[in-house]
Protein backbone atom coordinates (compact mmCIF):
# COMPACT_ATOMS: atom_id res chain seq x y z
CA MET A 1 137.59 121.14 162.95
CA SER A 2 135.95 118.40 161.06
CA LEU A 3 132.39 117.24 160.98
CA GLN A 4 131.82 114.10 159.00
CA HIS A 5 128.36 113.20 157.78
CA ARG A 6 126.78 110.30 155.95
CA ILE A 7 123.50 108.51 155.53
CA GLU A 8 123.24 104.73 156.06
CA ASN A 9 119.97 102.81 156.22
CA ALA A 10 117.86 105.94 156.89
CA VAL A 11 120.27 107.07 159.67
CA GLY A 12 122.03 110.41 159.29
CA TRP A 13 125.38 110.15 161.06
CA LEU A 14 127.14 113.30 162.34
CA VAL A 15 130.65 112.51 163.57
CA MET A 16 132.65 115.20 165.36
CA ASP A 17 136.37 114.90 164.72
CA ARG A 18 138.24 117.26 167.06
CA ALA A 19 140.49 114.75 168.78
CA THR A 20 142.83 117.35 170.22
CA ALA A 21 139.86 119.02 171.98
CA MET A 22 138.08 115.78 173.06
CA ASN A 23 135.46 116.44 170.33
CA SER A 24 134.05 119.34 172.31
CA LEU A 25 131.47 121.59 170.75
CA ASN A 26 132.52 125.07 169.61
CA ARG A 27 130.77 127.72 167.46
CA GLU A 28 132.26 126.45 164.21
CA MET A 29 131.16 122.88 164.94
CA ALA A 30 127.70 124.05 166.01
CA ALA A 31 127.33 126.01 162.77
CA ALA A 32 128.39 122.99 160.70
CA MET A 33 125.92 120.76 162.57
CA THR A 34 123.10 123.25 162.09
CA ALA A 35 123.82 123.46 158.35
CA GLN A 36 123.81 119.68 157.97
CA LEU A 37 120.66 119.23 160.04
CA ASN A 38 118.92 121.88 157.93
CA ALA A 39 120.04 120.05 154.78
CA TRP A 40 118.55 116.81 156.10
CA ARG A 41 115.35 118.40 157.47
CA ASP A 42 113.18 117.57 154.44
CA ASP A 43 115.24 114.61 153.17
CA ALA A 44 113.04 111.51 153.16
CA ALA A 45 116.21 109.36 153.19
CA VAL A 46 116.96 110.46 156.79
CA ARG A 47 114.60 109.16 159.49
CA VAL A 48 116.85 109.59 162.54
CA VAL A 49 120.14 111.39 163.32
CA VAL A 50 122.97 110.05 165.49
CA LEU A 51 125.60 112.42 166.89
CA THR A 52 128.90 110.90 167.97
CA GLY A 53 132.57 111.75 168.30
CA SER A 54 135.54 110.05 166.73
CA GLY A 55 138.16 108.49 168.95
CA ARG A 56 137.66 107.94 172.66
CA ALA A 57 136.40 111.27 173.89
CA PHE A 58 133.13 113.18 173.65
CA ALA A 59 132.94 116.37 175.72
CA PRO A 60 129.71 118.40 175.58
CA GLY A 61 131.27 121.62 176.81
CA PRO A 62 133.20 124.31 174.89
CA THR A 63 136.98 124.53 174.65
């Protein structure tokens, strides 16, 4: 499981990188997202957050 995160031009990017599972959300990924969102909550450098998946797939359901 990998969740990449970065800030560019006031945009917080969260990129799911679970190619073998079509970037589907699991508990570990949800916990990592929650931790990062909490870290950005009061960060004035982040005005909006974009969630995306690496590669060609993005499945919202669990695997």
